[in-house]
Amino acid sequence: LSVVDVLPTTAQPTKKSSPKKKVCQFSNPPSQKGPSCSPLTLGLLVTGVLVLLVSLSVAVHLYCQRRRARLRFLKQKFNIICLKISGFTTCFQVLQMNKEYAFGVL
């Protein structure tokens, strides 16, 4: 091993040259003659909207079907009779007491 009197000098870092900035020139953009989106993009967008509308209509149909089935079940279970008179629906529960029928308004 030998003793070193002078430490080696570090290399000077290279300076990064900054690129010249381009000056933007604002000119009138060319007028578009057709749609701004491609036909493929518009087709995919329309297809997506149609799929959402169909799924929404199916969901509403299933909800109404389940609701009708639930009401039908409740009417059968609790012996409920509904009368629709001039646009208004009135439901009654038929109570059987000693072979006489009594009506209770729901």
Protein backbone atom coordinates (compact mmCIF):
# COMPACT_ATOMS: atom_id res chain seq x y z
CA LEU A 1 0.00 0.00 0.00
CA SER A 2 1.20 3.46 -0.77
CA VAL A 3 0.14 6.84 0.55
CA VAL A 4 -1.46 9.16 -1.93
CA ASP A 5 -0.79 12.85 -1.53
CA VAL A 6 -3.25 14.16 -4.11
CA LEU A 7 -6.74 12.86 -4.62
CA PRO A 8 -7.80 12.48 -8.21
CA THR A 9 -9.99 15.29 -9.46
CA THR A 10 -13.57 14.55 -10.36
CA ALA A 11 -14.62 14.94 -13.92
CA GLN A 12 -16.57 18.07 -14.72
CA PRO A 13 -20.26 17.30 -15.32
CA THR A 14 -21.36 17.92 -18.84
CA LYS A 15 -23.77 20.77 -19.28
CA LYS A 16 -27.09 19.88 -20.79
CA SER A 17 -27.87 22.05 -23.72
CA SER A 18 -31.39 23.39 -23.58
CA PRO A 19 -33.31 22.86 -26.81
CA LYS A 20 -34.61 25.94 -28.51
CA LYS A 21 -38.28 26.49 -27.83
CA LYS A 22 -40.49 26.60 -30.85
CA VAL A 23 -42.75 29.57 -31.08
CA CYS A 24 -46.35 28.58 -31.64
CA GLN A 25 -47.91 30.32 -34.54
CA PHE A 26 -51.63 30.77 -34.21
CA SER A 27 -53.36 30.58 -37.49
CA ASN A 28 -56.96 29.97 -38.38
CA PRO A 29 -57.64 26.24 -38.00
CA PRO A 30 -59.00 24.59 -41.10
CA SER A 31 -62.77 24.27 -41.03
CA GLN A 32 -63.99 20.72 -40.49
CA LYS A 33 -66.27 19.45 -43.16
CA GLY A 34 -67.31 16.19 -41.46
CA PRO A 35 -68.01 15.05 -37.90
CA SER A 36 -65.21 15.54 -35.40
CA CYS A 37 -65.37 11.88 -34.28
CA SER A 38 -64.66 8.91 -36.45
CA PRO A 39 -67.60 6.70 -37.50
CA LEU A 40 -66.18 3.85 -35.40
CA THR A 41 -66.24 5.99 -32.25
CA LEU A 42 -69.78 7.17 -32.94
CA GLY A 43 -70.89 3.60 -33.65
CA LEU A 44 -69.45 2.35 -30.36
CA LEU A 45 -71.07 5.21 -28.47
CA VAL A 46 -74.50 4.56 -30.01
CA THR A 47 -74.16 0.81 -29.38
CA GLY A 48 -73.28 1.44 -25.73
CA VAL A 49 -76.29 3.71 -25.25
CA LEU A 50 -78.60 1.15 -26.86
CA VAL A 51 -77.26 -1.63 -24.62
CA LEU A 52 -77.88 0.54 -21.55
CA LEU A 53 -81.44 1.34 -22.66
CA VAL A 54 -82.27 -2.32 -23.33
CA SER A 55 -80.84 -3.41 -19.96
CA LEU A 56 -82.81 -0.65 -18.22
CA SER A 57 -86.04 -1.73 -19.88
CA VAL A 58 -85.40 -5.37 -18.92
CA ALA A 59 -84.73 -4.33 -15.31
CA VAL A 60 -87.96 -2.30 -15.15
CA HIS A 61 -89.95 -5.18 -16.68
CA LEU A 62 -88.56 -7.67 -14.15
CA TYR A 63 -89.27 -5.28 -11.28
CA CYS A 64 -92.89 -4.84 -12.37
CA GLN A 65 -93.29 -8.59 -12.86
CA ARG A 66 -91.99 -9.31 -9.34
CA ARG A 67 -94.22 -6.59 -7.87
CA ARG A 68 -97.30 -8.02 -9.59
CA ALA A 69 -96.45 -11.53 -8.36
CA ARG A 70 -95.95 -10.24 -4.79
CA LEU A 71 -99.28 -8.40 -4.82
CA ARG A 72 -101.04 -11.45 -6.24
CA PHE A 73 -99.54 -13.60 -3.47
CA LEU A 74 -100.62 -11.14 -0.76
CA LYS A 75 -104.14 -10.96 -2.17
CA GLN A 76 -104.45 -14.74 -2.11
CA LYS A 77 -102.88 -15.13 1.33
CA PHE A 78 -104.88 -12.44 3.10
CA ASN A 79 -108.05 -12.77 1.00
CA ILE A 80 -107.93 -9.22 -0.31
CA ILE A 81 -110.35 -7.89 -2.92
CA CYS A 82 -109.52 -4.71 -4.82
CA LEU A 83 -112.15 -2.64 -6.62
CA LYS A 84 -111.26 -0.03 -9.20
CA ILE A 85 -113.94 2.65 -9.38
CA SER A 86 -113.53 5.71 -11.61
CA GLY A 87 -109.74 5.50 -11.61
CA PHE A 88 -109.34 4.92 -7.87
CA THR A 89 -108.47 1.53 -6.43
CA THR A 90 -109.89 0.49 -3.08
CA CYS A 91 -108.86 -2.77 -1.45
CA PHE A 92 -110.78 -4.71 1.18
CA GLN A 93 -109.84 -7.65 3.31
CA VAL A 94 -112.63 -10.19 3.54
CA LEU A 95 -113.06 -11.44 7.09
CA GLN A 96 -115.09 -14.59 7.64
CA MET A 97 -116.99 -14.62 10.90
CA ASN A 98 -119.71 -17.23 11.51
CA LYS A 99 -120.57 -17.56 7.81
CA GLU A 100 -121.04 -13.81 7.53
CA TYR A 101 -118.63 -11.64 5.66
CA ALA A 102 -117.33 -8.38 7.06
CA PHE A 103 -115.21 -5.93 5.10
CA GLY A 104 -112.25 -4.08 6.50
CA VAL A 105 -110.79 -1.19 4.51
CA LEU A 106 -107.04 -1.39 3.95
